[in-house]
């Protein structure tokens, strides 16, 4: 039988995944996530870290968490004079 703490963590993981799946484009900082799901700081950190480690979430440069929705290829255009590739605008 699972310990109550482990069961609670699994429920929280399922709930957080569900929220990100139900709301495409959801972007939360850790303090926002703590308030939204009423989590203790250490538990919130652990849950978000696990979802990042599993590839479900991505942490942006500014510290927000977003769902990984699949990579989109970078559009590339050739510069005629040098033949170098540069990102398209």
Protein backbone atom coordinates (compact mmCIF):
# COMPACT_ATOMS: atom_id res chain seq x y z
CA UNK A 1 0.00 0.00 0.00
CA UNK A 2 1.27 3.47 -0.88
CA UNK A 3 2.10 5.97 1.79
CA UNK A 4 -0.36 8.89 2.01
CA UNK A 5 2.39 11.40 1.17
CA UNK A 6 3.30 9.55 -2.05
CA UNK A 7 -0.37 9.30 -2.98
CA UNK A 8 -0.84 13.04 -2.41
CA UNK A 9 2.18 13.87 -4.57
CA UNK A 10 0.85 11.73 -7.42
CA UNK A 11 -2.52 13.48 -7.14
CA UNK A 12 -0.82 16.87 -7.29
CA UNK A 13 1.27 15.84 -10.30
CA UNK A 14 -1.88 14.66 -12.07
CA UNK A 15 -3.69 17.91 -11.20
CA UNK A 16 -0.85 20.15 -12.40
CA UNK A 17 -0.52 18.18 -15.66
CA UNK A 18 -4.28 18.45 -16.13
CA UNK A 19 -4.26 22.23 -15.66
CA UNK A 20 -1.51 22.69 -18.25
CA UNK A 21 -3.31 20.37 -20.69
CA UNK A 22 -6.67 22.09 -20.22
CA UNK A 23 -5.25 25.59 -20.64
CA UNK A 24 -2.90 25.74 -23.63
CA UNK A 25 -0.51 28.63 -23.26
CA UNK A 26 -0.63 28.55 -19.45
CA UNK A 27 2.50 30.21 -18.14
CA UNK A 28 3.17 30.32 -14.41
CA UNK A 29 6.04 31.36 -12.20
CA UNK A 30 6.72 29.22 -9.16
CA UNK A 31 5.08 31.70 -6.75
CA UNK A 32 1.98 31.79 -8.99
CA UNK A 33 1.87 27.98 -9.08
CA UNK A 34 2.15 27.83 -5.28
CA UNK A 35 -0.80 30.19 -4.90
CA UNK A 36 -2.91 28.51 -7.60
CA UNK A 37 -2.55 25.02 -6.15
CA UNK A 38 -2.03 26.03 -2.48
CA UNK A 39 1.26 24.13 -2.23
CA UNK A 40 4.10 24.42 0.24
CA UNK A 41 7.23 25.88 -1.40
CA UNK A 42 9.28 22.68 -1.19
CA UNK A 43 6.49 20.52 -2.61
CA UNK A 44 5.78 22.98 -5.42
CA UNK A 45 9.48 23.07 -6.34
CA UNK A 46 9.64 19.27 -6.34
CA UNK A 47 6.53 18.89 -8.51
CA UNK A 48 7.60 21.49 -11.07
CA UNK A 49 11.12 20.08 -11.18
CA UNK A 50 9.80 16.56 -11.79
CA UNK A 51 7.58 17.79 -14.64
CA UNK A 52 10.54 19.61 -16.20
CA UNK A 53 12.79 16.56 -15.78
CA UNK A 54 10.11 14.37 -17.42
CA UNK A 55 9.88 16.72 -20.38
CA UNK A 56 6.30 17.80 -19.74
CA UNK A 57 7.17 21.37 -18.73
CA UNK A 58 9.86 23.78 -19.80
CA UNK A 59 11.30 26.52 -17.61
CA UNK A 60 11.78 29.76 -19.54
CA UNK A 61 14.66 32.17 -19.12
CA UNK A 62 12.52 34.40 -16.93
CA UNK A 63 11.65 31.48 -14.64
CA UNK A 64 8.12 30.75 -15.86
CA UNK A 65 6.88 27.22 -16.47
CA UNK A 66 5.15 26.35 -19.75
CA UNK A 67 4.01 23.09 -21.30
CA UNK A 68 6.23 21.55 -23.94
CA UNK A 69 3.93 21.32 -26.95
CA UNK A 70 6.41 20.00 -29.49
CA UNK A 71 9.32 21.64 -31.18
CA UNK A 72 8.67 23.95 -34.07
CA UNK A 73 11.43 24.15 -36.65
CA UNK A 74 13.34 27.38 -36.91
CA UNK A 75 12.76 29.06 -40.25
CA UNK A 76 16.06 29.63 -41.97
CA UNK A 77 16.84 31.82 -44.92
CA UNK A 78 20.04 31.97 -46.92
CA UNK A 79 21.93 35.20 -47.36
CA UNK A 80 22.94 35.22 -51.05
CA UNK A 81 26.24 37.04 -50.65
CA UNK A 82 27.72 34.76 -47.96
CA UNK A 83 25.69 31.58 -48.20
CA UNK A 84 25.36 31.66 -44.41
CA UNK A 85 22.10 30.72 -42.77
CA UNK A 86 20.33 33.27 -40.58
CA UNK A 87 17.04 32.99 -38.70
CA UNK A 88 14.13 34.39 -40.66
CA UNK A 89 12.24 37.28 -39.12
